[in-house]
Full PDB file with SEQRES, HELIX, SHEET, SSBOND, CRYST1, ORIGX, SCALE, CONECT and MASTER records, all heavy atoms in Angstrom:
SEQRES   1 A   42  MET ALA GLN THR PHE LEU ASP LEU GLY TYR ASP VAL ASP          
SEQRES   2 A   42  ALA ILE HIS CYS GLU ASN GLN GLY PHE ILE PRO TRP LYS          
SEQRES   3 A   42  PRO TYR ASP VAL VAL VAL ASP VAL ARG PHE ASN LEU GLN          
SEQRES   4 A   42  ARG LEU LYS                                                  
HELIX    1 AA1 ALA A    2  ASP A    7  1                                   6    
HELIX    2 AA2 ASN A   37  ARG A   40  1                                   4    
CRYST1    1.000    1.000    1.000  90.00  90.00  90.00 P 1           1          
ORIGX1      1.000000  0.000000  0.000000        0.00000                         
ORIGX2      0.000000  1.000000  0.000000        0.00000                         
ORIGX3      0.000000  0.000000  1.000000        0.00000                         
SCALE1      1.000000  0.000000  0.000000        0.00000                         
SCALE2      0.000000  1.000000  0.000000        0.00000                         
SCALE3      0.000000  0.000000  1.000000        0.00000                         
ATOM      1  N   MET A   1       0.833  -1.207  -0.004  1.00  0.00           N  
ATOM      2  CA  MET A   1       0.000  -0.004   0.011  1.00  0.00           C  
ATOM      3  C   MET A   1       0.878   1.255  -0.006  1.00  0.00           C  
ATOM      4  O   MET A   1       0.643   2.192  -0.775  1.00  0.00           O  
ATOM      5  CB  MET A   1      -0.929  -0.015   1.214  1.00  0.00           C  
ATOM      6  CG  MET A   1      -2.019  -1.067   1.161  1.00  0.00           C  
ATOM      7  SD  MET A   1      -2.985  -1.077   2.703  1.00  0.00           S  
ATOM      8  CE  MET A   1      -4.173  -2.374   2.323  1.00  0.00           C  
ATOM      9  N   ALA A   2       1.880   1.254   0.878  1.00  0.00           N  
ATOM     10  CA  ALA A   2       2.773   2.415   0.947  1.00  0.00           C  
ATOM     11  C   ALA A   2       3.541   2.619  -0.356  1.00  0.00           C  
ATOM     12  O   ALA A   2       3.628   3.722  -0.894  1.00  0.00           O  
ATOM     13  CB  ALA A   2       3.728   2.276   2.120  1.00  0.00           C  
ATOM     14  N   GLN A   3       4.097   1.518  -0.880  1.00  0.00           N  
ATOM     15  CA  GLN A   3       4.902   1.611  -2.110  1.00  0.00           C  
ATOM     16  C   GLN A   3       4.061   2.091  -3.291  1.00  0.00           C  
ATOM     17  O   GLN A   3       4.538   2.829  -4.157  1.00  0.00           O  
ATOM     18  CB  GLN A   3       5.529   0.261  -2.430  1.00  0.00           C  
ATOM     19  CG  GLN A   3       6.527   0.295  -3.565  1.00  0.00           C  
ATOM     20  CD  GLN A   3       7.731   1.171  -3.244  1.00  0.00           C  
ATOM     21  OE1 GLN A   3       8.385   0.968  -2.220  1.00  0.00           O  
ATOM     22  NE2 GLN A   3       8.008   2.158  -4.086  1.00  0.00           N  
ATOM     23  N   THR A   4       2.805   1.667  -3.331  1.00  0.00           N  
ATOM     24  CA  THR A   4       1.910   2.089  -4.422  1.00  0.00           C  
ATOM     25  C   THR A   4       1.802   3.606  -4.456  1.00  0.00           C  
ATOM     26  O   THR A   4       1.946   4.233  -5.532  1.00  0.00           O  
ATOM     27  CB  THR A   4       0.526   1.454  -4.239  1.00  0.00           C  
ATOM     28  OG1 THR A   4       0.641   0.031  -4.353  1.00  0.00           O  
ATOM     29  CG2 THR A   4      -0.456   1.952  -5.314  1.00  0.00           C  
ATOM     30  N   PHE A   5       1.556   4.212  -3.314  1.00  0.00           N  
ATOM     31  CA  PHE A   5       1.401   5.666  -3.275  1.00  0.00           C  
ATOM     32  C   PHE A   5       2.737   6.385  -3.513  1.00  0.00           C  
ATOM     33  O   PHE A   5       2.771   7.457  -4.150  1.00  0.00           O  
ATOM     34  CB  PHE A   5       0.773   6.093  -1.945  1.00  0.00           C  
ATOM     35  CG  PHE A   5      -0.697   5.809  -1.863  1.00  0.00           C  
ATOM     36  CD1 PHE A   5      -1.175   4.747  -1.154  1.00  0.00           C  
ATOM     37  CD2 PHE A   5      -1.604   6.639  -2.535  1.00  0.00           C  
ATOM     38  CE1 PHE A   5      -2.540   4.479  -1.096  1.00  0.00           C  
ATOM     39  CE2 PHE A   5      -2.972   6.383  -2.481  1.00  0.00           C  
ATOM     40  CZ  PHE A   5      -3.439   5.306  -1.745  1.00  0.00           C  
ATOM     41  N   LEU A   6       3.832   5.793  -3.042  1.00  0.00           N  
ATOM     42  CA  LEU A   6       5.144   6.382  -3.320  1.00  0.00           C  
ATOM     43  C   LEU A   6       5.409   6.414  -4.819  1.00  0.00           C  
ATOM     44  O   LEU A   6       5.862   7.432  -5.369  1.00  0.00           O  
ATOM     45  CB  LEU A   6       6.234   5.578  -2.617  1.00  0.00           C  
ATOM     46  CG  LEU A   6       6.325   5.697  -1.081  1.00  0.00           C  
ATOM     47  CD1 LEU A   6       7.298   4.667  -0.542  1.00  0.00           C  
ATOM     48  CD2 LEU A   6       6.731   7.089  -0.657  1.00  0.00           C  
ATOM     49  N   ASP A   7       5.100   5.316  -5.495  1.00  0.00           N  
ATOM     50  CA  ASP A   7       5.322   5.230  -6.934  1.00  0.00           C  
ATOM     51  C   ASP A   7       4.422   6.192  -7.701  1.00  0.00           C  
ATOM     52  O   ASP A   7       4.773   6.632  -8.809  1.00  0.00           O  
ATOM     53  CB  ASP A   7       5.061   3.805  -7.421  1.00  0.00           C  
ATOM     54  CG  ASP A   7       6.100   2.821  -6.927  1.00  0.00           C  
ATOM     55  OD1 ASP A   7       7.166   3.259  -6.455  1.00  0.00           O  
ATOM     56  OD2 ASP A   7       5.834   1.601  -6.987  1.00  0.00           O  
ATOM     57  N   LEU A   8       3.277   6.531  -7.116  1.00  0.00           N  
ATOM     58  CA  LEU A   8       2.363   7.469  -7.775  1.00  0.00           C  
ATOM     59  C   LEU A   8       2.651   8.913  -7.416  1.00  0.00           C  
ATOM     60  O   LEU A   8       1.903   9.825  -7.806  1.00  0.00           O  
ATOM     61  CB  LEU A   8       0.913   7.112  -7.399  1.00  0.00           C  
ATOM     62  CG  LEU A   8       0.399   5.783  -7.930  1.00  0.00           C  
ATOM     63  CD1 LEU A   8      -0.988   5.473  -7.409  1.00  0.00           C  
ATOM     64  CD2 LEU A   8       0.396   5.762  -9.469  1.00  0.00           C  
ATOM     65  N   GLY A   9       3.746   9.138  -6.653  1.00  0.00           N  
ATOM     66  CA  GLY A   9       4.196  10.494  -6.405  1.00  0.00           C  
ATOM     67  C   GLY A   9       3.748  11.119  -5.092  1.00  0.00           C  
ATOM     68  O   GLY A   9       3.809  12.351  -4.937  1.00  0.00           O  
ATOM     69  N   TYR A  10       3.344  10.314  -4.124  1.00  0.00           N  
ATOM     70  CA  TYR A  10       2.903  10.840  -2.826  1.00  0.00           C  
ATOM     71  C   TYR A  10       3.889  10.470  -1.735  1.00  0.00           C  
ATOM     72  O   TYR A  10       4.488   9.392  -1.736  1.00  0.00           O  
ATOM     73  CB  TYR A  10       1.538  10.234  -2.459  1.00  0.00           C  
ATOM     74  CG  TYR A  10       0.401  10.726  -3.322  1.00  0.00           C  
ATOM     75  CD1 TYR A  10       0.141  10.109  -4.545  1.00  0.00           C  
ATOM     76  CD2 TYR A  10      -0.395  11.775  -2.941  1.00  0.00           C  
ATOM     77  CE1 TYR A  10      -0.890  10.526  -5.369  1.00  0.00           C  
ATOM     78  CE2 TYR A  10      -1.446  12.214  -3.756  1.00  0.00           C  
ATOM     79  CZ  TYR A  10      -1.696  11.595  -4.947  1.00  0.00           C  
ATOM     80  OH  TYR A  10      -2.706  12.021  -5.762  1.00  0.00           O  
ATOM     81  N   ASP A  11       4.072  11.387  -0.771  1.00  0.00           N  
ATOM     82  CA  ASP A  11       4.765  11.056   0.454  1.00  0.00           C  
ATOM     83  C   ASP A  11       3.825  10.251   1.338  1.00  0.00           C  
ATOM     84  O   ASP A  11       2.596  10.477   1.314  1.00  0.00           O  
ATOM     85  CB  ASP A  11       5.197  12.308   1.223  1.00  0.00           C  
ATOM     86  CG  ASP A  11       6.375  13.021   0.542  1.00  0.00           C  
ATOM     87  OD1 ASP A  11       7.056  12.383  -0.280  1.00  0.00           O  
ATOM     88  OD2 ASP A  11       6.589  14.206   0.846  1.00  0.00           O  
ATOM     89  N   VAL A  12       4.383   9.299   2.114  1.00  0.00           N  
ATOM     90  CA  VAL A  12       3.525   8.371   2.871  1.00  0.00           C  
ATOM     91  C   VAL A  12       3.968   8.342   4.331  1.00  0.00           C  
ATOM     92  O   VAL A  12       5.182   8.237   4.629  1.00  0.00           O  
ATOM     93  CB  VAL A  12       3.616   6.943   2.278  1.00  0.00           C  
ATOM     94  CG1 VAL A  12       2.849   5.956   3.159  1.00  0.00           C  
ATOM     95  CG2 VAL A  12       3.078   6.933   0.846  1.00  0.00           C  
ATOM     96  N   ASP A  13       3.021   8.419   5.230  1.00  0.00           N  
ATOM     97  CA  ASP A  13       3.243   8.114   6.646  1.00  0.00           C  
ATOM     98  C   ASP A  13       2.495   6.814   6.948  1.00  0.00           C  
ATOM     99  O   ASP A  13       1.311   6.684   6.591  1.00  0.00           O  
ATOM    100  CB  ASP A  13       2.691   9.242   7.543  1.00  0.00           C  
ATOM    101  CG  ASP A  13       3.507  10.507   7.421  1.00  0.00           C  
ATOM    102  OD1 ASP A  13       4.710  10.415   7.163  1.00  0.00           O  
ATOM    103  OD2 ASP A  13       2.916  11.607   7.574  1.00  0.00           O  
ATOM    104  N   ALA A  14       3.162   5.874   7.607  1.00  0.00           N  
ATOM    105  CA  ALA A  14       2.567   4.580   7.930  1.00  0.00           C  
ATOM    106  C   ALA A  14       2.539   4.412   9.441  1.00  0.00           C  
ATOM    107  O   ALA A  14       3.590   4.528  10.110  1.00  0.00           O  
ATOM    108  CB  ALA A  14       3.349   3.448   7.285  1.00  0.00           C  
ATOM    109  N   ILE A  15       1.352   4.146   9.987  1.00  0.00           N  
ATOM    110  CA  ILE A  15       1.197   3.872  11.397  1.00  0.00           C  
ATOM    111  C   ILE A  15       0.510   2.525  11.557  1.00  0.00           C  
ATOM    112  O   ILE A  15      -0.083   2.006  10.616  1.00  0.00           O  
ATOM    113  CB  ILE A  15       0.377   4.960  12.133  1.00  0.00           C  
ATOM    114  CG1 ILE A  15      -1.060   5.008  11.587  1.00  0.00           C  
ATOM    115  CG2 ILE A  15       1.072   6.321  12.005  1.00  0.00           C  
ATOM    116  CD1 ILE A  15      -1.973   5.959  12.361  1.00  0.00           C  
ATOM    117  N   HIS A  16       0.598   1.953  12.754  1.00  0.00           N  
ATOM    118  CA  HIS A  16      -0.149   0.736  13.031  1.00  0.00           C  
ATOM    119  C   HIS A  16      -1.603   1.103  13.274  1.00  0.00           C  
ATOM    120  O   HIS A  16      -1.926   2.144  13.871  1.00  0.00           O  
ATOM    121  CB  HIS A  16       0.434   0.012  14.248  1.00  0.00           C  
ATOM    122  CG  HIS A  16       0.006  -1.412  14.352  1.00  0.00           C  
ATOM    123  ND1 HIS A  16      -1.238  -1.778  14.820  1.00  0.00           N  
ATOM    124  CD2 HIS A  16       0.659  -2.559  14.050  1.00  0.00           C  
ATOM    125  CE1 HIS A  16      -1.338  -3.090  14.796  1.00  0.00           C  
ATOM    126  NE2 HIS A  16      -0.208  -3.603  14.338  1.00  0.00           N  
ATOM    127  N   CYS A  17      -2.515   0.234  12.817  1.00  0.00           N  
ATOM    128  CA  CYS A  17      -3.936   0.559  12.965  1.00  0.00           C  
ATOM    129  C   CYS A  17      -4.369   0.661  14.427  1.00  0.00           C  
ATOM    130  O   CYS A  17      -5.401   1.257  14.747  1.00  0.00           O  
ATOM    131  CB  CYS A  17      -4.789  -0.477  12.228  1.00  0.00           C  
ATOM    132  SG  CYS A  17      -4.597  -2.170  12.845  1.00  0.00           S  
ATOM    133  N   GLU A  18      -3.576   0.072  15.348  1.00  0.00           N  
ATOM    134  CA  GLU A  18      -3.901   0.150  16.770  1.00  0.00           C  
ATOM    135  C   GLU A  18      -3.276   1.372  17.430  1.00  0.00           C  
ATOM    136  O   GLU A  18      -3.419   1.551  18.645  1.00  0.00           O  
ATOM    137  CB  GLU A  18      -3.444  -1.118  17.488  1.00  0.00           C  
ATOM    138  CG  GLU A  18      -4.215  -2.358  17.046  1.00  0.00           C  
ATOM    139  CD  GLU A  18      -3.738  -3.604  17.752  1.00  0.00           C  
ATOM    140  OE1 GLU A  18      -2.901  -3.485  18.668  1.00  0.00           O  
ATOM    141  OE2 GLU A  18      -4.202  -4.690  17.407  1.00  0.00           O  
ATOM    142  N   ASN A  19      -2.578   2.193  16.674  1.00  0.00           N  
ATOM    143  CA  ASN A  19      -1.988   3.427  17.200  1.00  0.00           C  
ATOM    144  C   ASN A  19      -3.127   4.430  17.422  1.00  0.00           C  
ATOM    145  O   ASN A  19      -3.667   5.016  16.493  1.00  0.00           O  
ATOM    146  CB  ASN A  19      -0.984   3.972  16.188  1.00  0.00           C  
ATOM    147  CG  ASN A  19      -0.275   5.221  16.699  1.00  0.00           C  
ATOM    148  OD1 ASN A  19      -0.772   5.940  17.544  1.00  0.00           O  
ATOM    149  ND2 ASN A  19       0.909   5.471  16.157  1.00  0.00           N  
ATOM    150  N   GLN A  20      -3.475   4.646  18.679  1.00  0.00           N  
ATOM    151  CA  GLN A  20      -4.556   5.579  19.030  1.00  0.00           C  
ATOM    152  C   GLN A  20      -4.033   6.897  19.570  1.00  0.00           C  
ATOM    153  O   GLN A  20      -4.803   7.693  20.095  1.00  0.00           O  
ATOM    154  CB  GLN A  20      -5.465   4.915  20.064  1.00  0.00           C  
ATOM    155  CG  GLN A  20      -6.180   3.685  19.552  1.00  0.00           C  
ATOM    156  CD  GLN A  20      -7.147   3.996  18.441  1.00  0.00           C  
ATOM    157  OE1 GLN A  20      -8.184   4.621  18.631  1.00  0.00           O  
ATOM    158  NE2 GLN A  20      -6.820   3.544  17.226  1.00  0.00           N  
ATOM    159  N   GLY A  21      -2.721   7.119  19.430  1.00  0.00           N  
ATOM    160  CA  GLY A  21      -2.138   8.377  19.914  1.00  0.00           C  
ATOM    161  C   GLY A  21      -1.711   9.299  18.793  1.00  0.00           C  
ATOM    162  O   GLY A  21      -1.406  10.464  19.062  1.00  0.00           O  
ATOM    163  N   PHE A  22      -1.672   8.807  17.566  1.00  0.00           N  
ATOM    164  CA  PHE A  22      -1.209   9.632  16.457  1.00  0.00           C  
ATOM    165  C   PHE A  22      -2.192  10.731  16.138  1.00  0.00           C  
ATOM    166  O   PHE A  22      -3.397  10.516  16.021  1.00  0.00           O  
ATOM    167  CB  PHE A  22      -1.025   8.741  15.218  1.00  0.00           C  
ATOM    168  CG  PHE A  22      -0.728   9.513  13.974  1.00  0.00           C  
ATOM    169  CD1 PHE A  22       0.564   9.994  13.704  1.00  0.00           C  
ATOM    170  CD2 PHE A  22      -1.722   9.770  13.040  1.00  0.00           C  
ATOM    171  CE1 PHE A  22       0.831  10.701  12.551  1.00  0.00           C  
ATOM    172  CE2 PHE A  22      -1.462  10.490  11.889  1.00  0.00           C  
ATOM    173  CZ  PHE A  22      -0.174  10.966  11.641  1.00  0.00           C  
ATOM    174  N   ILE A  23      -1.661  11.951  15.987  1.00  0.00           N  
ATOM    175  CA  ILE A  23      -2.438  13.121  15.570  1.00  0.00           C  
ATOM    176  C   ILE A  23      -1.768  13.712  14.330  1.00  0.00           C  
ATOM    177  O   ILE A  23      -0.575  14.005  14.355  1.00  0.00           O  
ATOM    178  CB  ILE A  23      -2.532  14.189  16.682  1.00  0.00           C  
ATOM    179  CG1 ILE A  23      -3.214  13.604  17.923  1.00  0.00           C  
ATOM    180  CG2 ILE A  23      -3.275  15.419  16.187  1.00  0.00           C  
ATOM    181  CD1 ILE A  23      -4.647  13.195  17.727  1.00  0.00           C  
ATOM    182  N   PRO A  24      -2.499  13.909  13.230  1.00  0.00           N  
ATOM    183  CA  PRO A  24      -1.881  14.467  12.015  1.00  0.00           C  
ATOM    184  C   PRO A  24      -1.313  15.852  12.232  1.00  0.00           C  
ATOM    185  O   PRO A  24      -1.928  16.688  12.912  1.00  0.00           O  
ATOM    186  CB  PRO A  24      -3.066  14.499  11.030  1.00  0.00           C  
ATOM    187  CG  PRO A  24      -4.024  13.487  11.546  1.00  0.00           C  
ATOM    188  CD  PRO A  24      -3.907  13.529  13.028  1.00  0.00           C  
ATOM    189  N   TRP A  25      -0.142  16.079  11.680  1.00  0.00           N  
ATOM    190  CA  TRP A  25       0.443  17.432  11.709  1.00  0.00           C  
ATOM    191  C   TRP A  25       0.568  18.013  10.305  1.00  0.00           C  
ATOM    192  O   TRP A  25       1.183  19.046  10.085  1.00  0.00           O  
ATOM    193  CB  TRP A  25       1.820  17.377  12.372  1.00  0.00           C  
ATOM    194  CG  TRP A  25       2.863  16.604  11.598  1.00  0.00           C  
ATOM    195  CD1 TRP A  25       3.684  17.055  10.624  1.00  0.00           C  
ATOM    196  CD2 TRP A  25       3.172  15.216  11.756  1.00  0.00           C  
ATOM    197  NE1 TRP A  25       4.486  16.062  10.145  1.00  0.00           N  
ATOM    198  CE2 TRP A  25       4.193  14.901  10.824  1.00  0.00           C  
ATOM    199  CE3 TRP A  25       2.683  14.203  12.583  1.00  0.00           C  
ATOM    200  CZ2 TRP A  25       4.723  13.635  10.709  1.00  0.00           C  
ATOM    201  CZ3 TRP A  25       3.218  12.940  12.458  1.00  0.00           C  
ATOM    202  CH2 TRP A  25       4.234  12.645  11.550  1.00  0.00           C  
ATOM    203  N   LYS A  26      -0.048  17.335   9.344  1.00  0.00           N  
ATOM    204  CA  LYS A  26      -0.031  17.796   7.961  1.00  0.00           C  
ATOM    205  C   LYS A  26      -1.359  17.434   7.321  1.00  0.00           C  
ATOM    206  O   LYS A  26      -2.053  16.496   7.801  1.00  0.00           O  
ATOM    207  CB  LYS A  26       1.126  17.156   7.186  1.00  0.00           C  
ATOM    208  CG  LYS A  26       0.985  15.652   7.047  1.00  0.00           C  
ATOM    209  CD  LYS A  26       2.163  15.031   6.272  1.00  0.00           C  
ATOM    210  CE  LYS A  26       3.412  14.973   7.122  1.00  0.00           C  
ATOM    211  NZ  LYS A  26       4.455  14.121   6.486  1.00  0.00           N  
ATOM    212  N   PRO A  27      -1.794  18.085   6.275  1.00  0.00           N  
ATOM    213  CA  PRO A  27      -3.019  17.715   5.574  1.00  0.00           C  
ATOM    214  C   PRO A  27      -2.807  16.469   4.734  1.00  0.00           C  
ATOM    215  O   PRO A  27      -1.837  16.400   3.963  1.00  0.00           O  
ATOM    216  CB  PRO A  27      -3.327  18.928   4.707  1.00  0.00           C  
ATOM    217  CG  PRO A  27      -1.980  19.545   4.447  1.00  0.00           C  
ATOM    218  CD  PRO A  27      -1.171  19.316   5.680  1.00  0.00           C  
ATOM    219  N   TYR A  28      -3.673  15.475   4.856  1.00  0.00           N  
ATOM    220  CA  TYR A  28      -3.571  14.254   4.091  1.00  0.00           C  
ATOM    221  C   TYR A  28      -4.568  14.265   2.928  1.00  0.00           C  
ATOM    222  O   TYR A  28      -5.726  14.604   3.102  1.00  0.00           O  
ATOM    223  CB  TYR A  28      -3.791  13.032   4.951  1.00  0.00           C  
ATOM    224  CG  TYR A  28      -2.629  12.736   5.881  1.00  0.00           C  
ATOM    225  CD1 TYR A  28      -2.737  12.980   7.244  1.00  0.00           C  
ATOM    226  CD2 TYR A  28      -1.432  12.237   5.384  1.00  0.00           C  
ATOM    227  CE1 TYR A  28      -1.656  12.715   8.090  1.00  0.00           C  
ATOM    228  CE2 TYR A  28      -0.362  11.991   6.224  1.00  0.00           C  
ATOM    229  CZ  TYR A  28      -0.477  12.232   7.572  1.00  0.00           C  
ATOM    230  OH  TYR A  28       0.588  11.979   8.399  1.00  0.00           O  
ATOM    231  N   ASP A  29      -4.064  13.876   1.749  1.00  0.00           N  
ATOM    232  CA  ASP A  29      -4.914  13.784   0.578  1.00  0.00           C  
ATOM    233  C   ASP A  29      -5.659  12.452   0.539  1.00  0.00           C  
ATOM    234  O   ASP A  29      -6.762  12.378  -0.028  1.00  0.00           O  
ATOM    235  CB  ASP A  29      -4.080  13.925  -0.692  1.00  0.00           C  
ATOM    236  CG  ASP A  29      -3.402  15.291  -0.779  1.00  0.00           C  
ATOM    237  OD1 ASP A  29      -4.030  16.231  -1.289  1.00  0.00           O  
ATOM    238  OD2 ASP A  29      -2.255  15.412  -0.281  1.00  0.00           O  
ATOM    239  N   VAL A  30      -5.056  11.394   1.121  1.00  0.00           N  
ATOM    240  CA  VAL A  30      -5.657  10.079   1.160  1.00  0.00           C  
ATOM    241  C   VAL A  30      -5.347   9.446   2.508  1.00  0.00           C  
ATOM    242  O   VAL A  30      -4.230   9.579   3.010  1.00  0.00           O  
ATOM    243  CB  VAL A  30      -5.117   9.151   0.048  1.00  0.00           C  
ATOM    244  CG1 VAL A  30      -5.823   7.797   0.061  1.00  0.00           C  
ATOM    245  CG2 VAL A  30      -5.264   9.799  -1.334  1.00  0.00           C  
ATOM    246  N   VAL A  31      -6.327   8.762   3.079  1.00  0.00           N  
ATOM    247  CA  VAL A  31      -6.100   7.962   4.290  1.00  0.00           C  
ATOM    248  C   VAL A  31      -6.641   6.569   4.027  1.00  0.00           C  
ATOM    249  O   VAL A  31      -7.788   6.420   3.574  1.00  0.00           O  
ATOM    250  CB  VAL A  31      -6.782   8.575   5.540  1.00  0.00           C  
ATOM    251  CG1 VAL A  31      -6.639   7.624   6.725  1.00  0.00           C  
ATOM    252  CG2 VAL A  31      -6.150   9.915   5.882  1.00  0.00           C  
ATOM    253  N   VAL A  32      -5.826   5.547   4.331  1.00  0.00           N  
ATOM    254  CA  VAL A  32      -6.244   4.146   4.243  1.00  0.00           C  
ATOM    255  C   VAL A  32      -6.217   3.584   5.654  1.00  0.00           C  
ATOM    256  O   VAL A  32      -5.212   3.700   6.352  1.00  0.00           O  
ATOM    257  CB  VAL A  32      -5.287   3.347   3.337  1.00  0.00           C  
ATOM    258  CG1 VAL A  32      -5.743   1.885   3.279  1.00  0.00           C  
ATOM    259  CG2 VAL A  32      -5.244   3.942   1.946  1.00  0.00           C  
ATOM    260  N   ASP A  33      -7.303   2.969   6.075  1.00  0.00           N  
ATOM    261  CA  ASP A  33      -7.410   2.458   7.441  1.00  0.00           C  
ATOM    262  C   ASP A  33      -8.084   1.101   7.441  1.00  0.00           C  
ATOM    263  O   ASP A  33      -8.780   0.744   6.481  1.00  0.00           O  
ATOM    264  CB  ASP A  33      -8.205   3.458   8.302  1.00  0.00           C  
ATOM    265  CG  ASP A  33      -8.308   3.025   9.763  1.00  0.00           C  
ATOM    266  OD1 ASP A  33      -7.311   2.498  10.288  1.00  0.00           O  
ATOM    267  OD2 ASP A  33      -9.359   3.256  10.383  1.00  0.00           O  
ATOM    268  N   VAL A  34      -7.873   0.339   8.537  1.00  0.00           N  
ATOM    269  CA  VAL A  34      -8.549  -0.953   8.673  1.00  0.00           C  
ATOM    270  C   VAL A  34      -9.339  -1.092   9.973  1.00  0.00           C  
ATOM    271  O   VAL A  34     -10.002  -2.101  10.175  1.00  0.00           O  
ATOM    272  CB  VAL A  34      -7.530  -2.131   8.589  1.00  0.00           C  
ATOM    273  CG1 VAL A  34      -6.865  -2.188   7.235  1.00  0.00           C  
ATOM    274  CG2 VAL A  34      -6.527  -2.066   9.719  1.00  0.00           C  
ATOM    275  N   ARG A  35      -9.284  -0.100  10.866  1.00  0.00           N  
ATOM    276  CA  ARG A  35      -9.994  -0.229  12.125  1.00  0.00           C  
ATOM    277  C   ARG A  35     -10.677   1.084  12.544  1.00  0.00           C  
ATOM    278  O   ARG A  35     -11.734   1.410  12.060  1.00  0.00           O  
ATOM    279  CB  ARG A  35      -9.059  -0.731  13.240  1.00  0.00           C  
ATOM    280  CG  ARG A  35      -8.714  -2.205  13.163  1.00  0.00           C  
ATOM    281  CD  ARG A  35      -9.898  -3.131  13.292  1.00  0.00           C  
ATOM    282  NE  ARG A  35      -9.516  -4.525  13.293  1.00  0.00           N  
ATOM    283  CZ  ARG A  35      -9.311  -5.264  12.205  1.00  0.00           C  
ATOM    284  NH1 ARG A  35      -9.434  -4.729  10.997  1.00  0.00           N  
ATOM    285  NH2 ARG A  35      -8.972  -6.556  12.293  1.00  0.00           N  
ATOM    286  N   PHE A  36     -10.034   1.850  13.440  1.00  0.00           N  
ATOM    287  CA  PHE A  36     -10.711   2.969  14.108  1.00  0.00           C  
ATOM    288  C   PHE A  36     -10.216   4.347  13.729  1.00  0.00           C  
ATOM    289  O   PHE A  36     -10.786   5.356  14.151  1.00  0.00           O  
ATOM    290  CB  PHE A  36     -10.577   2.822  15.632  1.00  0.00           C  
ATOM    291  CG  PHE A  36     -11.135   1.538  16.169  1.00  0.00           C  
ATOM    292  CD1 PHE A  36     -10.294   0.445  16.367  1.00  0.00           C  
ATOM    293  CD2 PHE A  36     -12.465   1.408  16.435  1.00  0.00           C  
ATOM    294  CE1 PHE A  36     -10.797  -0.744  16.851  1.00  0.00           C  
ATOM    295  CE2 PHE A  36     -13.001   0.215  16.899  1.00  0.00           C  
ATOM    296  CZ  PHE A  36     -12.156  -0.864  17.117  1.00  0.00           C  
ATOM    297  N   ASN A  37      -9.158   4.441  12.938  1.00  0.00           N  
ATOM    298  CA  ASN A  37      -8.547   5.755  12.743  1.00  0.00           C  
ATOM    299  C   ASN A  37      -9.301   6.662  11.784  1.00  0.00           C  
ATOM    300  O   ASN A  37      -9.173   7.878  11.876  1.00  0.00           O  
ATOM    301  CB  ASN A  37      -7.089   5.602  12.328  1.00  0.00           C  
ATOM    302  CG  ASN A  37      -6.184   5.361  13.525  1.00  0.00           C  
ATOM    303  OD1 ASN A  37      -6.428   5.910  14.602  1.00  0.00           O  
ATOM    304  ND2 ASN A  37      -5.182   4.522  13.363  1.00  0.00           N  
ATOM    305  N   LEU A  38     -10.093   6.111  10.882  1.00  0.00           N  
ATOM    306  CA  LEU A  38     -10.879   7.006  10.038  1.00  0.00           C  
ATOM    307  C   LEU A  38     -11.870   7.808  10.875  1.00  0.00           C  
ATOM    308  O   LEU A  38     -12.021   9.024  10.689  1.00  0.00           O  
ATOM    309  CB  LEU A  38     -11.647   6.201   8.970  1.00  0.00           C  
ATOM    310  CG  LEU A  38     -10.927   5.901   7.665  1.00  0.00           C  
ATOM    311  CD1 LEU A  38     -11.869   5.251   6.666  1.00  0.00           C  
ATOM    312  CD2 LEU A  38     -10.308   7.145   7.056  1.00  0.00           C  
ATOM    313  N   GLN A  39     -12.545   7.158  11.795  1.00  0.00           N  
ATOM    314  CA  GLN A  39     -13.493   7.879  12.620  1.00  0.00           C  
ATOM    315  C   GLN A  39     -12.804   8.739  13.659  1.00  0.00           C  
ATOM    316  O   GLN A  39     -13.242   9.841  13.968  1.00  0.00           O  
ATOM    317  CB  GLN A  39     -14.475   6.909  13.298  1.00  0.00           C  
ATOM    318  CG  GLN A  39     -13.858   5.976  14.303  1.00  0.00           C  
ATOM    319  CD  GLN A  39     -14.784   4.826  14.678  1.00  0.00           C  
ATOM    320  OE1 GLN A  39     -14.996   3.901  13.893  1.00  0.00           O  
ATOM    321  NE2 GLN A  39     -15.339   4.866  15.884  1.00  0.00           N  
ATOM    322  N   ARG A  40     -11.681   8.246  14.218  1.00  0.00           N  
ATOM    323  CA  ARG A  40     -10.979   9.013  15.244  1.00  0.00           C  
ATOM    324  C   ARG A  40     -10.360  10.282  14.716  1.00  0.00           C  
ATOM    325  O   ARG A  40     -10.327  11.307  15.399  1.00  0.00           O  
ATOM    326  CB  ARG A  40      -9.882   8.109  15.881  1.00  0.00           C  
ATOM    327  CG  ARG A  40      -9.160   8.757  17.064  1.00  0.00           C  
ATOM    328  CD  ARG A  40      -8.125   7.804  17.635  1.00  0.00           C  
ATOM    329  NE  ARG A  40      -6.982   7.621  16.773  1.00  0.00           N  
ATOM    330  CZ  ARG A  40      -5.930   8.436  16.729  1.00  0.00           C  
ATOM    331  NH1 ARG A  40      -5.874   9.515  17.483  1.00  0.00           N  
ATOM    332  NH2 ARG A  40      -4.925   8.188  15.909  1.00  0.00           N  
ATOM    333  N   LEU A  41      -9.855  10.222  13.486  1.00  0.00           N  
ATOM    334  CA  LEU A  41      -9.120  11.347  12.918  1.00  0.00           C  
ATOM    335  C   LEU A  41     -10.018  12.260  12.049  1.00  0.00           C  
ATOM    336  O   LEU A  41      -9.494  13.178  11.412  1.00  0.00           O  
ATOM    337  CB  LEU A  41      -7.949  10.841  12.085  1.00  0.00           C  
ATOM    338  CG  LEU A  41      -6.909  10.019  12.832  1.00  0.00           C  
ATOM    339  CD1 LEU A  41      -5.816   9.562  11.891  1.00  0.00           C  
ATOM    340  CD2 LEU A  41      -6.311  10.797  13.993  1.00  0.00           C  
ATOM    341  N   LYS A  42     -11.284  12.013  12.013  1.00  0.00           N  
ATOM    342  CA  LYS A  42     -12.172  12.760  11.129  1.00  0.00           C  
ATOM    343  C   LYS A  42     -12.001  14.263  11.267  1.00  0.00           C  
ATOM    344  O   LYS A  42     -11.926  14.988  10.257  1.00  0.00           O  
ATOM    345  CB  LYS A  42     -13.625  12.378  11.425  1.00  0.00           C  
ATOM    346  CG  LYS A  42     -14.624  13.130  10.549  1.00  0.00           C  
ATOM    347  CD  LYS A  42     -16.070  12.800  10.908  1.00  0.00           C  
ATOM    348  CE  LYS A  42     -17.038  13.622  10.062  1.00  0.00           C  
ATOM    349  NZ  LYS A  42     -18.437  13.351  10.429  1.00  0.00           N  
TER     350      LYS A  42                                                      
MASTER        0    0    0    2    0    0    0    6  349    1    0    4          
END                                                                             
């Protein structure tokens, strides 16, 4: 997933889906999630 976006010209930050302490410090154009971070970071 990360390599795909790198190849398409995007910088990528990768966190574990159980990371509940991460707070974005930059605007994200795309977010991919598998658990709770889409709703937490809305």
